[in-house]
C-alpha atoms as a PDB file:
ATOM      1  CA  MET A   1      -0.019  -0.107   0.051  1.00  0.00           C
ATOM      2  CA  SER A   2       1.499   3.459  -1.034  1.00  0.00           C
ATOM      3  CA  LYS A   3       2.090   6.071   1.703  1.00  0.00           C
ATOM      4  CA  PRO A   4      -0.283   9.134   1.487  1.00  0.00           C
ATOM      5  CA  PHE A   5       1.349  12.207  -0.076  1.00  0.00           C
ATOM      6  CA  ASN A   6       3.050  14.429   2.352  1.00  0.00           C
ATOM      7  CA  ASP A   7       2.314  17.976   1.163  1.00  0.00           C
ATOM      8  CA  ALA A   8       3.603  20.014   4.248  1.00  0.00           C
ATOM      9  CA  PHE A   9       6.587  21.407   2.248  1.00  0.00           C
ATOM     10  CA  LEU A  10       4.295  22.643  -0.321  1.00  0.00           C
ATOM     11  CA  LYS A  11       1.696  24.280   2.140  1.00  0.00           C
ATOM     12  CA  ALA A  12       4.649  25.878   3.894  1.00  0.00           C
ATOM     13  CA  CYS A  13       5.872  27.379   0.660  1.00  0.00           C
ATOM     14  CA  ARG A  14       2.362  29.016   0.203  1.00  0.00           C
ATOM     15  CA  LYS A  15       2.432  30.050   3.803  1.00  0.00           C
ATOM     16  CA  GLU A  16      -0.391  27.712   4.806  1.00  0.00           C
ATOM     17  CA  GLN A  17      -1.024  25.813   7.999  1.00  0.00           C
ATOM     18  CA  THR A  18       1.217  22.601   8.278  1.00  0.00           C
ATOM     19  CA  PRO A  19       1.005  19.451  10.748  1.00  0.00           C
ATOM     20  CA  HIS A  20       4.773  20.105  11.512  1.00  0.00           C
ATOM     21  CA  VAL A  21       7.652  22.449  10.198  1.00  0.00           C
ATOM     22  CA  PRO A  22       8.841  20.548   7.070  1.00  0.00           C
ATOM     23  CA  VAL A  23      12.432  20.081   6.590  1.00  0.00           C
ATOM     24  CA  TRP A  24      14.909  18.993   3.578  1.00  0.00           C
ATOM     25  CA  TYR A  25      18.684  19.451   3.310  1.00  0.00           C
ATOM     26  CA  MET A  26      20.445  20.946   0.465  1.00  0.00           C
ATOM     27  CA  ARG A  27      22.677  18.211  -1.193  1.00  0.00           C
ATOM     28  CA  GLN A  28      20.892  15.554   0.800  1.00  0.00           C
ATOM     29  CA  ALA A  29      22.075  13.182  -1.873  1.00  0.00           C
ATOM     30  CA  GLY A  30      25.819  13.092  -1.663  1.00  0.00           C
ATOM     31  CA  ARG A  31      29.173  11.810  -0.352  1.00  0.00           C
ATOM     32  CA  TYR A  32      28.035  11.649   3.341  1.00  0.00           C
ATOM     33  CA  GLN A  33      25.875   8.613   2.392  1.00  0.00           C
ATOM     34  CA  PRO A  34      27.909   5.108   1.960  1.00  0.00           C
ATOM     35  CA  GLU A  35      25.209   4.051  -0.545  1.00  0.00           C
ATOM     36  CA  TYR A  36      25.908   7.039  -2.704  1.00  0.00           C
ATOM     37  CA  ARG A  37      29.673   6.620  -2.620  1.00  0.00           C
ATOM     38  CA  GLU A  38      29.068   3.056  -3.624  1.00  0.00           C
ATOM     39  CA  ILE A  39      26.785   4.035  -6.789  1.00  0.00           C
ATOM     40  CA  ARG A  40      29.511   6.939  -7.623  1.00  0.00           C
ATOM     41  CA  LYS A  41      32.170   4.204  -8.031  1.00  0.00           C
ATOM     42  CA  LYS A  42      30.404   2.990 -10.981  1.00  0.00           C
ATOM     43  CA  TYR A  43      29.675   6.139 -12.683  1.00  0.00           C
ATOM     44  CA  THR A  44      30.933   9.883 -13.383  1.00  0.00           C
ATOM     45  CA  PHE A  45      28.639  12.559 -11.798  1.00  0.00           C
ATOM     46  CA  PHE A  46      27.144  13.204 -15.197  1.00  0.00           C
ATOM     47  CA  GLU A  47      26.722   9.497 -15.799  1.00  0.00           C
ATOM     48  CA  MET A  48      24.759   9.455 -12.704  1.00  0.00           C
ATOM     49  CA  SER A  49      22.355  12.106 -13.395  1.00  0.00           C
ATOM     50  CA  GLU A  50      21.988  11.016 -17.175  1.00  0.00           C
ATOM     51  CA  ILE A  51      20.693   7.503 -16.295  1.00  0.00           C
ATOM     52  CA  PRO A  52      17.109   8.219 -15.113  1.00  0.00           C
ATOM     53  CA  GLU A  53      17.015   4.961 -13.125  1.00  0.00           C
ATOM     54  CA  VAL A  54      20.233   5.881 -11.254  1.00  0.00           C
ATOM     55  CA  CYS A  55      19.226   9.550 -11.044  1.00  0.00           C
ATOM     56  CA  ALA A  56      15.984   8.532  -9.614  1.00  0.00           C
ATOM     57  CA  GLU A  57      17.368   6.007  -6.941  1.00  0.00           C
ATOM     58  CA  VAL A  58      19.792   8.699  -5.597  1.00  0.00           C
ATOM     59  CA  THR A  59      17.268  11.212  -5.396  1.00  0.00           C
ATOM     60  CA  ARG A  60      14.958   9.002  -3.554  1.00  0.00           C
ATOM     61  CA  LEU A  61      17.496   7.452  -1.238  1.00  0.00           C
ATOM     62  CA  PRO A  62      17.838  10.505   1.349  1.00  0.00           C
ATOM     63  CA  VAL A  63      13.940  10.561   1.634  1.00  0.00           C
ATOM     64  CA  GLU A  64      13.851   7.241   2.855  1.00  0.00           C
ATOM     65  CA  GLN A  65      16.820   7.136   4.806  1.00  0.00           C
ATOM     66  CA  LEU A  66      16.577  10.558   6.574  1.00  0.00           C
ATOM     67  CA  GLY A  67      12.674  11.069   6.603  1.00  0.00           C
ATOM     68  CA  VAL A  68      12.691  14.516   5.098  1.00  0.00           C
ATOM     69  CA  ASP A  69       9.383  16.073   3.817  1.00  0.00           C
ATOM     70  CA  ALA A  70      10.903  16.806   0.216  1.00  0.00           C
ATOM     71  CA  ALA A  71      13.214  15.352  -2.351  1.00  0.00           C
ATOM     72  CA  ILE A  72      15.397  17.469  -4.599  1.00  0.00           C
ATOM     73  CA  LEU A  73      16.195  16.141  -8.006  1.00  0.00           C
ATOM     74  CA  PHE A  74      19.780  14.750  -8.340  1.00  0.00           C
ATOM     75  CA  ALA A  75      21.579  16.865 -10.974  1.00  0.00           C
ATOM     76  CA  ASP A  76      23.976  19.992 -11.253  1.00  0.00           C
ATOM     77  CA  ILE A  77      23.620  23.358 -12.074  1.00  0.00           C
ATOM     78  CA  MET A  78      25.949  22.692 -14.976  1.00  0.00           C
ATOM     79  CA  THR A  79      23.685  20.201 -16.660  1.00  0.00           C
ATOM     80  CA  PRO A  80      21.850  22.332 -19.279  1.00  0.00           C
ATOM     81  CA  LEU A  81      25.145  24.314 -20.133  1.00  0.00           C
ATOM     82  CA  GLN A  82      26.712  21.181 -21.609  1.00  0.00           C
ATOM     83  CA  HIS A  83      23.941  21.579 -24.457  1.00  0.00           C
ATOM     84  CA  ILE A  84      24.023  25.177 -25.426  1.00  0.00           C
ATOM     85  CA  GLY A  85      27.834  25.147 -26.569  1.00  0.00           C
ATOM     86  CA  VAL A  86      29.707  25.336 -23.145  1.00  0.00           C
ATOM     87  CA  ASN A  87      32.518  22.529 -22.562  1.00  0.00           C
ATOM     88  CA  VAL A  88      32.161  21.814 -18.999  1.00  0.00           C
ATOM     89  CA  GLU A  89      33.515  18.931 -16.968  1.00  0.00           C
ATOM     90  CA  ILE A  90      33.171  18.270 -13.149  1.00  0.00           C
ATOM     91  CA  ARG A  91      36.480  17.572 -11.490  1.00  0.00           C
ATOM     92  CA  SER A  92      36.862  16.078  -8.294  1.00  0.00           C
ATOM     93  CA  GLY A  93      37.856  18.407  -5.528  1.00  0.00           C
ATOM     94  CA  ILE A  94      37.606  21.356  -7.949  1.00  0.00           C
ATOM     95  CA  GLY A  95      34.155  21.453  -9.277  1.00  0.00           C
ATOM     96  CA  PRO A  96      32.923  22.677 -12.711  1.00  0.00           C
ATOM     97  CA  VAL A  97      35.809  23.592 -15.011  1.00  0.00           C
ATOM     98  CA  ILE A  98      35.141  24.942 -18.517  1.00  0.00           C
ATOM     99  CA  ASP A  99      37.791  25.089 -21.400  1.00  0.00           C
ATOM    100  CA  ASN A 100      36.047  27.699 -23.481  1.00  0.00           C
ATOM    101  CA  PRO A 101      35.408  30.554 -21.366  1.00  0.00           C
ATOM    102  CA  ILE A 102      33.339  33.574 -22.244  1.00  0.00           C
ATOM    103  CA  ARG A 103      35.818  36.300 -23.129  1.00  0.00           C
ATOM    104  CA  SER A 104      33.798  38.628 -25.689  1.00  0.00           C
ATOM    105  CA  GLU A 105      30.246  39.468 -27.090  1.00  0.00           C
ATOM    106  CA  LYS A 106      31.248  36.948 -30.028  1.00  0.00           C
ATOM    107  CA  ASP A 107      31.547  34.166 -27.410  1.00  0.00           C
ATOM    108  CA  VAL A 108      27.973  35.083 -25.831  1.00  0.00           C
ATOM    109  CA  GLU A 109      26.677  35.091 -29.758  1.00  0.00           C
ATOM    110  CA  ARG A 110      27.980  31.545 -30.159  1.00  0.00           C
ATOM    111  CA  LEU A 111      25.687  30.292 -27.359  1.00  0.00           C
ATOM    112  CA  THR A 112      22.649  28.049 -28.660  1.00  0.00           C
ATOM    113  CA  GLU A 113      19.421  27.372 -27.254  1.00  0.00           C
ATOM    114  CA  ILE A 114      18.411  24.316 -25.278  1.00  0.00           C
ATOM    115  CA  ASP A 115      15.571  22.005 -26.353  1.00  0.00           C
ATOM    116  CA  PRO A 116      14.735  20.318 -22.823  1.00  0.00           C
ATOM    117  CA  GLU A 117      12.692  17.154 -24.606  1.00  0.00           C
ATOM    118  CA  THR A 118      15.893  16.394 -26.646  1.00  0.00           C
ATOM    119  CA  HIS A 119      18.926  17.802 -24.463  1.00  0.00           C
ATOM    120  CA  VAL A 120      17.563  16.940 -21.186  1.00  0.00           C
ATOM    121  CA  ALA A 121      15.378  14.073 -22.046  1.00  0.00           C
ATOM    122  CA  THR A 122      17.036  11.833 -19.297  1.00  0.00           C
ATOM    123  CA  THR A 123      16.652  14.378 -16.450  1.00  0.00           C
ATOM    124  CA  LEU A 124      12.890  14.616 -17.173  1.00  0.00           C
ATOM    125  CA  GLU A 125      12.420  10.725 -17.581  1.00  0.00           C
ATOM    126  CA  ALA A 126      13.878  10.819 -14.116  1.00  0.00           C
ATOM    127  CA  ILE A 127      11.436  12.991 -12.694  1.00  0.00           C
ATOM    128  CA  ARG A 128       8.476  10.898 -14.367  1.00  0.00           C
ATOM    129  CA  ILE A 129       9.978   7.912 -12.571  1.00  0.00           C
ATOM    130  CA  LEU A 130      10.382   9.667  -9.121  1.00  0.00           C
ATOM    131  CA  ASN A 131       6.697  11.118  -9.292  1.00  0.00           C
ATOM    132  CA  GLN A 132       5.555   7.181  -9.229  1.00  0.00           C
ATOM    133  CA  GLN A 133       7.931   6.358  -6.429  1.00  0.00           C
ATOM    134  CA  LEU A 134       7.797   9.523  -4.038  1.00  0.00           C
ATOM    135  CA  SER A 135       5.196  10.154  -1.310  1.00  0.00           C
ATOM    136  CA  VAL A 136       6.866  13.742  -0.820  1.00  0.00           C
ATOM    137  CA  PRO A 137       7.036  16.617  -3.288  1.00  0.00           C
ATOM    138  CA  LEU A 138      10.005  16.710  -5.659  1.00  0.00           C
ATOM    139  CA  ILE A 139      11.964  20.055  -6.044  1.00  0.00           C
ATOM    140  CA  GLY A 140      13.488  20.695  -9.547  1.00  0.00           C
ATOM    141  CA  PHE A 141      16.177  23.303  -9.694  1.00  0.00           C
ATOM    142  CA  ALA A 142      18.435  25.150 -11.988  1.00  0.00           C
ATOM    143  CA  GLY A 143      21.503  27.663 -11.469  1.00  0.00           C
ATOM    144  CA  ALA A 144      20.628  31.646 -11.885  1.00  0.00           C
ATOM    145  CA  PRO A 145      22.212  33.395 -14.717  1.00  0.00           C
ATOM    146  CA  PHE A 146      24.639  35.266 -12.616  1.00  0.00           C
ATOM    147  CA  THR A 147      25.994  32.170 -10.927  1.00  0.00           C
ATOM    148  CA  LEU A 148      26.210  30.338 -14.281  1.00  0.00           C
ATOM    149  CA  ALA A 149      28.019  33.308 -15.909  1.00  0.00           C
ATOM    150  CA  SER A 150      30.420  33.410 -13.221  1.00  0.00           C
ATOM    151  CA  TYR A 151      31.598  29.902 -14.023  1.00  0.00           C
ATOM    152  CA  MET A 152      31.616  30.547 -17.825  1.00  0.00           C
ATOM    153  CA  ILE A 153      33.536  33.758 -17.696  1.00  0.00           C
ATOM    154  CA  GLU A 154      36.178  32.748 -14.784  1.00  0.00           C
ATOM    155  CA  GLY A 155      36.489  29.071 -16.525  1.00  0.00           C
ATOM    156  CA  GLY A 156      35.657  27.563 -13.140  1.00  0.00           C
ATOM    157  CA  PRO A 157      35.169  28.372  -9.212  1.00  0.00           C
ATOM    158  CA  SER A 158      36.542  31.765  -8.084  1.00  0.00           C
ATOM    159  CA  LYS A 159      37.105  33.393  -4.796  1.00  0.00           C
ATOM    160  CA  ASN A 160      36.708  37.085  -5.955  1.00  0.00           C
ATOM    161  CA  TYR A 161      34.902  36.904  -9.251  1.00  0.00           C
ATOM    162  CA  HIS A 162      37.158  39.873 -10.775  1.00  0.00           C
ATOM    163  CA  LYS A 163      36.646  38.491 -14.385  1.00  0.00           C
ATOM    164  CA  THR A 164      32.981  38.340 -13.889  1.00  0.00           C
ATOM    165  CA  LYS A 165      32.619  41.630 -12.715  1.00  0.00           C
ATOM    166  CA  ALA A 166      35.271  43.291 -15.051  1.00  0.00           C
ATOM    167  CA  PHE A 167      33.209  41.718 -18.009  1.00  0.00           C
ATOM    168  CA  MET A 168      29.916  42.997 -16.422  1.00  0.00           C
ATOM    169  CA  TYR A 169      31.355  46.495 -16.360  1.00  0.00           C
ATOM    170  CA  ALA A 170      33.250  46.741 -19.445  1.00  0.00           C
ATOM    171  CA  GLU A 171      30.896  44.840 -21.589  1.00  0.00           C
ATOM    172  CA  PRO A 172      27.274  45.625 -20.602  1.00  0.00           C
ATOM    173  CA  VAL A 173      25.836  44.824 -24.116  1.00  0.00           C
ATOM    174  CA  ALA A 174      27.440  41.529 -23.942  1.00  0.00           C
ATOM    175  CA  TRP A 175      26.346  40.939 -20.513  1.00  0.00           C
ATOM    176  CA  LYS A 176      22.764  41.675 -21.016  1.00  0.00           C
ATOM    177  CA  ALA A 177      22.871  39.387 -23.929  1.00  0.00           C
ATOM    178  CA  LEU A 178      24.486  36.686 -21.847  1.00  0.00           C
ATOM    179  CA  MET A 179      22.109  37.209 -18.911  1.00  0.00           C
ATOM    180  CA  GLU A 180      18.879  37.102 -21.487  1.00  0.00           C
ATOM    181  CA  LYS A 181      20.282  33.946 -23.063  1.00  0.00           C
ATOM    182  CA  LEU A 182      20.871  32.094 -19.680  1.00  0.00           C
ATOM    183  CA  GLY A 183      17.604  33.489 -18.579  1.00  0.00           C
ATOM    184  CA  THR A 184      15.540  31.821 -21.604  1.00  0.00           C
ATOM    185  CA  MET A 185      17.497  28.806 -21.187  1.00  0.00           C
ATOM    186  CA  THR A 186      16.540  28.735 -17.341  1.00  0.00           C
ATOM    187  CA  ILE A 187      13.082  29.373 -17.877  1.00  0.00           C
ATOM    188  CA  SER A 188      12.705  26.683 -20.610  1.00  0.00           C
ATOM    189  CA  TYR A 189      14.811  24.078 -18.341  1.00  0.00           C
ATOM    190  CA  LEU A 190      12.633  24.647 -15.472  1.00  0.00           C
ATOM    191  CA  LYS A 191       9.330  24.767 -17.198  1.00  0.00           C
ATOM    192  CA  ALA A 192      10.060  21.304 -18.689  1.00  0.00           C
ATOM    193  CA  GLN A 193      10.853  19.877 -15.155  1.00  0.00           C
ATOM    194  CA  VAL A 194       7.521  21.189 -13.969  1.00  0.00           C
ATOM    195  CA  LYS A 195       5.665  19.659 -16.896  1.00  0.00           C
ATOM    196  CA  ALA A 196       7.546  16.412 -16.333  1.00  0.00           C
ATOM    197  CA  GLY A 197       6.396  16.431 -12.545  1.00  0.00           C
ATOM    198  CA  ALA A 198       8.293  18.666 -10.458  1.00  0.00           C
ATOM    199  CA  HIS A 199       6.079  19.986  -7.724  1.00  0.00           C
ATOM    200  CA  ALA A 200       8.539  23.070  -6.818  1.00  0.00           C
ATOM    201  CA  ILE A 201      11.422  24.961  -8.126  1.00  0.00           C
ATOM    202  CA  GLN A 202      14.559  26.295  -6.421  1.00  0.00           C
ATOM    203  CA  VAL A 203      16.906  28.528  -8.227  1.00  0.00           C
ATOM    204  CA  PHE A 204      20.391  28.760  -6.837  1.00  0.00           C
ATOM    205  CA  ASP A 205      22.309  31.895  -6.943  1.00  0.00           C
ATOM    206  CA  SER A 206      25.023  30.654  -5.121  1.00  0.00           C
ATOM    207  CA  TRP A 207      27.894  33.262  -5.909  1.00  0.00           C
ATOM    208  CA  VAL A 208      25.752  36.492  -6.376  1.00  0.00           C
ATOM    209  CA  GLY A 209      26.470  37.639  -2.965  1.00  0.00           C
ATOM    210  CA  ALA A 210      29.776  38.964  -4.385  1.00  0.00           C
ATOM    211  CA  LEU A 211      27.717  41.716  -5.780  1.00  0.00           C
ATOM    212  CA  ASN A 212      26.727  44.960  -3.753  1.00  0.00           C
ATOM    213  CA  GLU A 213      23.184  45.875  -3.842  1.00  0.00           C
ATOM    214  CA  GLN A 214      23.341  48.614  -6.685  1.00  0.00           C
ATOM    215  CA  ASP A 215      25.027  46.210  -9.001  1.00  0.00           C
ATOM    216  CA  TYR A 216      22.425  43.495  -8.468  1.00  0.00           C
ATOM    217  CA  GLN A 217      19.744  46.067  -8.701  1.00  0.00           C
ATOM    218  CA  LEU A 218      21.238  47.113 -12.387  1.00  0.00           C
ATOM    219  CA  TYR A 219      22.888  43.949 -13.645  1.00  0.00           C
ATOM    220  CA  VAL A 220      20.911  41.011 -12.284  1.00  0.00           C
ATOM    221  CA  ALA A 221      17.458  41.715 -10.949  1.00  0.00           C
ATOM    222  CA  PRO A 222      15.858  42.426 -14.251  1.00  0.00           C
ATOM    223  CA  ILE A 223      16.644  38.827 -15.413  1.00  0.00           C
ATOM    224  CA  MET A 224      15.495  37.249 -11.969  1.00  0.00           C
ATOM    225  CA  HIS A 225      12.194  39.125 -12.237  1.00  0.00           C
ATOM    226  CA  LYS A 226      11.771  37.810 -15.562  1.00  0.00           C
ATOM    227  CA  ILE A 227      12.512  34.162 -14.647  1.00  0.00           C
ATOM    228  CA  PHE A 228      10.256  34.038 -11.613  1.00  0.00           C
ATOM    229  CA  GLN A 229       7.477  36.035 -13.383  1.00  0.00           C
ATOM    230  CA  ASP A 230       7.542  33.425 -16.329  1.00  0.00           C
ATOM    231  CA  LEU A 231       7.440  30.503 -13.866  1.00  0.00           C
ATOM    232  CA  LYS A 232       4.309  31.862 -12.128  1.00  0.00           C
ATOM    233  CA  ASP A 233       2.388  30.383 -15.114  1.00  0.00           C
ATOM    234  CA  THR A 234       3.655  26.771 -13.748  1.00  0.00           C
ATOM    235  CA  GLY A 235       1.643  27.253 -10.525  1.00  0.00           C
ATOM    236  CA  VAL A 236       4.334  25.664  -8.511  1.00  0.00           C
ATOM    237  CA  PRO A 237       6.234  27.455  -5.737  1.00  0.00           C
ATOM    238  CA  THR A 238       9.489  29.059  -6.331  1.00  0.00           C
ATOM    239  CA  ILE A 239      12.627  29.341  -3.974  1.00  0.00           C
ATOM    240  CA  TYR A 240      15.648  31.622  -4.435  1.00  0.00           C
ATOM    241  CA  PHE A 241      18.820  30.839  -2.664  1.00  0.00           C
ATOM    242  CA  GLY A 242      22.381  32.213  -2.446  1.00  0.00           C
ATOM    243  CA  ILE A 243      25.524  32.307  -0.266  1.00  0.00           C
ATOM    244  CA  GLY A 244      26.127  35.617   1.680  1.00  0.00           C
ATOM    245  CA  THR A 245      23.256  37.248   0.277  1.00  0.00           C
ATOM    246  CA  GLY A 246      21.957  38.927   3.508  1.00  0.00           C
ATOM    247  CA  HIS A 247      22.607  42.617   2.074  1.00  0.00           C
ATOM    248  CA  LEU A 248      20.391  41.650  -1.152  1.00  0.00           C
ATOM    249  CA  LEU A 249      17.267  40.455   0.854  1.00  0.00           C
ATOM    250  CA  THR A 250      15.269  43.820   0.244  1.00  0.00           C
ATOM    251  CA  GLU A 251      16.070  43.467  -3.265  1.00  0.00           C
ATOM    252  CA  TRP A 252      14.854  39.646  -3.436  1.00  0.00           C
ATOM    253  CA  ASN A 253      11.810  40.729  -1.543  1.00  0.00           C
ATOM    254  CA  LYS A 254      10.793  42.742  -4.624  1.00  0.00           C
ATOM    255  CA  LEU A 255      10.905  39.623  -6.934  1.00  0.00           C
ATOM    256  CA  PRO A 256       7.709  37.671  -7.475  1.00  0.00           C
ATOM    257  CA  VAL A 257       9.281  34.569  -5.890  1.00  0.00           C
ATOM    258  CA  ASP A 258       7.420  32.659  -3.089  1.00  0.00           C
ATOM    259  CA  VAL A 259      10.217  31.625  -0.811  1.00  0.00           C
ATOM    260  CA  LEU A 260      13.619  33.114   0.215  1.00  0.00           C
ATOM    261  CA  GLY A 261      16.479  30.658   1.302  1.00  0.00           C
ATOM    262  CA  LEU A 262      18.780  31.943   3.864  1.00  0.00           C
ATOM    263  CA  ASP A 263      22.561  30.941   4.551  1.00  0.00           C
ATOM    264  CA  TRP A 264      23.464  30.762   8.070  1.00  0.00           C
ATOM    265  CA  ARG A 265      25.120  34.366   8.326  1.00  0.00           C
ATOM    266  CA  THR A 266      21.562  36.014   8.247  1.00  0.00           C
ATOM    267  CA  SER A 267      19.064  35.139  10.979  1.00  0.00           C
ATOM    268  CA  ILE A 268      15.402  34.591  10.607  1.00  0.00           C
ATOM    269  CA  GLN A 269      14.797  37.532  12.887  1.00  0.00           C
ATOM    270  CA  GLN A 270      17.036  39.823  10.879  1.00  0.00           C
ATOM    271  CA  ALA A 271      15.542  38.747   7.711  1.00  0.00           C
ATOM    272  CA  ARG A 272      11.933  39.719   9.226  1.00  0.00           C
ATOM    273  CA  ALA A 273      13.225  42.839  10.524  1.00  0.00           C
ATOM    274  CA  LYS A 274      14.012  43.882   6.920  1.00  0.00           C
ATOM    275  CA  GLY A 275      10.577  43.471   6.046  1.00  0.00           C
ATOM    276  CA  ILE A 276      10.517  40.032   4.464  1.00  0.00           C
ATOM    277  CA  GLU A 277       7.202  38.875   4.441  1.00  0.00           C
ATOM    278  CA  LYS A 278       7.724  35.768   1.955  1.00  0.00           C
ATOM    279  CA  ALA A 279       8.093  32.173   3.303  1.00  0.00           C
ATOM    280  CA  ILE A 280      11.633  31.596   4.439  1.00  0.00           C
ATOM    281  CA  GLN A 281      13.745  28.348   4.114  1.00  0.00           C
ATOM    282  CA  GLY A 282      16.973  28.016   6.441  1.00  0.00           C
ATOM    283  CA  ASN A 283      19.361  27.947   7.787  1.00  0.00           C
ATOM    284  CA  LEU A 284      21.302  25.818  10.177  1.00  0.00           C
ATOM    285  CA  ASP A 285      25.117  26.189   9.721  1.00  0.00           C
ATOM    286  CA  PRO A 286      26.267  22.893   8.238  1.00  0.00           C
ATOM    287  CA  SER A 287      29.337  22.840  10.207  1.00  0.00           C
ATOM    288  CA  LEU A 288      27.210  22.425  13.348  1.00  0.00           C
ATOM    289  CA  LEU A 289      26.407  18.883  11.814  1.00  0.00           C
ATOM    290  CA  LEU A 290      29.734  17.872  12.914  1.00  0.00           C
ATOM    291  CA  GLY A 291      29.185  18.863  16.410  1.00  0.00           C
ATOM    292  CA  PRO A 292      27.758  16.914  19.308  1.00  0.00           C
ATOM    293  CA  TRP A 293      23.885  16.197  19.099  1.00  0.00           C
ATOM    294  CA  GLU A 294      23.190  18.494  22.165  1.00  0.00           C
ATOM    295  CA  VAL A 295      24.555  21.649  20.442  1.00  0.00           C
ATOM    296  CA  ILE A 296      22.816  20.641  17.099  1.00  0.00           C
ATOM    297  CA  GLN A 297      19.474  20.414  18.932  1.00  0.00           C
ATOM    298  CA  GLU A 298      19.846  23.465  20.707  1.00  0.00           C
ATOM    299  CA  ARG A 299      20.535  25.529  17.780  1.00  0.00           C
ATOM    300  CA  ALA A 300      17.622  23.772  15.819  1.00  0.00           C
ATOM    301  CA  LYS A 301      15.322  24.554  18.616  1.00  0.00           C
ATOM    302  CA  ALA A 302      16.167  28.301  18.469  1.00  0.00           C
ATOM    303  CA  LEU A 303      15.874  28.327  14.524  1.00  0.00           C
ATOM    304  CA  LEU A 304      12.466  26.724  14.948  1.00  0.00           C
ATOM    305  CA  ASP A 305      11.285  28.969  17.477  1.00  0.00           C
ATOM    306  CA  GLN A 306      12.174  32.068  15.424  1.00  0.00           C
ATOM    307  CA  GLY A 307      10.843  30.485  11.855  1.00  0.00           C
ATOM    308  CA  MET A 308       7.373  29.729  13.601  1.00  0.00           C
ATOM    309  CA  GLU A 309       6.646  33.111  14.721  1.00  0.00           C
ATOM    310  CA  GLN A 310       4.991  33.784  11.219  1.00  0.00           C
ATOM    311  CA  PRO A 311       3.394  31.148   8.782  1.00  0.00           C
ATOM    312  CA  GLY A 312       5.808  29.937   5.937  1.00  0.00           C
ATOM    313  CA  TYR A 313       8.790  28.290   7.500  1.00  0.00           C
ATOM    314  CA  ILE A 314      10.766  25.442   6.111  1.00  0.00           C
ATOM    315  CA  PHE A 315      13.985  24.038   7.856  1.00  0.00           C
ATOM    316  CA  ASN A 316      16.908  23.623   5.943  1.00  0.00           C
ATOM    317  CA  LEU A 317      20.584  24.200   6.117  1.00  0.00           C
ATOM    318  CA  GLY A 318      22.281  27.500   5.101  1.00  0.00           C
ATOM    319  CA  HIS A 319      24.305  25.584   2.507  1.00  0.00           C
ATOM    320  CA  GLY A 320      24.787  22.027   1.314  1.00  0.00           C
ATOM    321  CA  ILE A 321      25.741  18.876   3.623  1.00  0.00           C
ATOM    322  CA  PHE A 322      29.745  18.203   4.033  1.00  0.00           C
ATOM    323  CA  PRO A 323      30.699  14.672   2.849  1.00  0.00           C
ATOM    324  CA  ASP A 324      31.972  13.931   6.575  1.00  0.00           C
ATOM    325  CA  VAL A 325      28.489  14.739   8.318  1.00  0.00           C
ATOM    326  CA  PRO A 326      27.307  11.551  10.088  1.00  0.00           C
ATOM    327  CA  VAL A 327      23.992  10.189   8.745  1.00  0.00           C
ATOM    328  CA  GLU A 328      22.723   9.579  12.164  1.00  0.00           C
ATOM    329  CA  ASN A 329      22.893  13.348  12.809  1.00  0.00           C
ATOM    330  CA  LEU A 330      20.652  14.151   9.962  1.00  0.00           C
ATOM    331  CA  GLN A 331      18.191  11.333  10.737  1.00  0.00           C
ATOM    332  CA  LYS A 332      18.054  12.794  14.451  1.00  0.00           C
ATOM    333  CA  LEU A 333      17.476  16.255  13.382  1.00  0.00           C
ATOM    334  CA  ALA A 334      14.761  15.618  11.021  1.00  0.00           C
ATOM    335  CA  ALA A 335      12.920  13.379  13.725  1.00  0.00           C
ATOM    336  CA  PHE A 336      13.441  16.084  16.352  1.00  0.00           C
ATOM    337  CA  ILE A 337      12.106  18.936  14.065  1.00  0.00           C
ATOM    338  CA  HIS A 338       8.791  16.920  13.207  1.00  0.00           C
ATOM    339  CA  GLU A 339       8.281  15.955  16.970  1.00  0.00           C
ATOM    340  CA  TYR A 340       9.063  19.514  18.458  1.00  0.00           C
ATOM    341  CA  THR A 341       6.785  21.199  15.948  1.00  0.00           C
ATOM    342  CA  LYS A 342       3.832  19.003  15.789  1.00  0.00           C
ATOM    343  CA  ARG A 343       0.587  20.972  16.094  1.00  0.00           C
END
């Protein structure tokens, strides 16, 4: 007999009453799991995400193992870039590396368009499989244009994003064209995920915190507004998340997005004090998961107390799970959140 569908996460996104505070963890499918490491021995990262049955298994595993209220599709923000003319490779210990970085307006012009039903057909098939297997909502996701552009211009991860900012300032026409191309790709990719069965969407703008508020407003906000406005047609909740973005929250609050994800540097109280009335997701420091259970529980309780002061709260981490986090800590934390917040 199949389990009844647990929609607590979707209700929280819509700021509706929930039976408990829902919880899921960013990077909840990953190297901290012995089962994931065994699967990883057989396939490269992209192979795992491009074999629908394997992708579905890796996505489903943490839901069953941890007792969380949502699944997030196993993929990478680089996945669609492979299909628009970007030569990207995920290198162990480094991350995405691109051997044909953007250097000029001509490089932007050479980028092609994505056809989701052809280019990411295996990803969409994994979503359809998961819809038959999961009893919790499935979150689809994509990288935001600024964060994708930062990899495409830098050629890989960066500590300062100097090349990205220099291109943004020196080549405003090319920058706008790049944002529009990546925005169109993101909308098309995410709409295809929803059509295949994703119940919600998270857009990761991991590195946009490198910008100040003025530059965000000028160079990034217009395309983010377009993305979230266009996704309204899907009817599913949308989430926006980045690292070190507390100073951008008032700008984010103007976007037609449903949920704002906080990293651990900005408290829920601080966000609310800025006038944020949207649903909030976050934001335990993932480093705490390496500490003793008593400390984890104490900090989680404080977060829950803040989050429950207003409707629309989803418990999550302020960034992804580290590889050396004990599985038991995540299991105990999910169980504690449910028990502590039962209504």
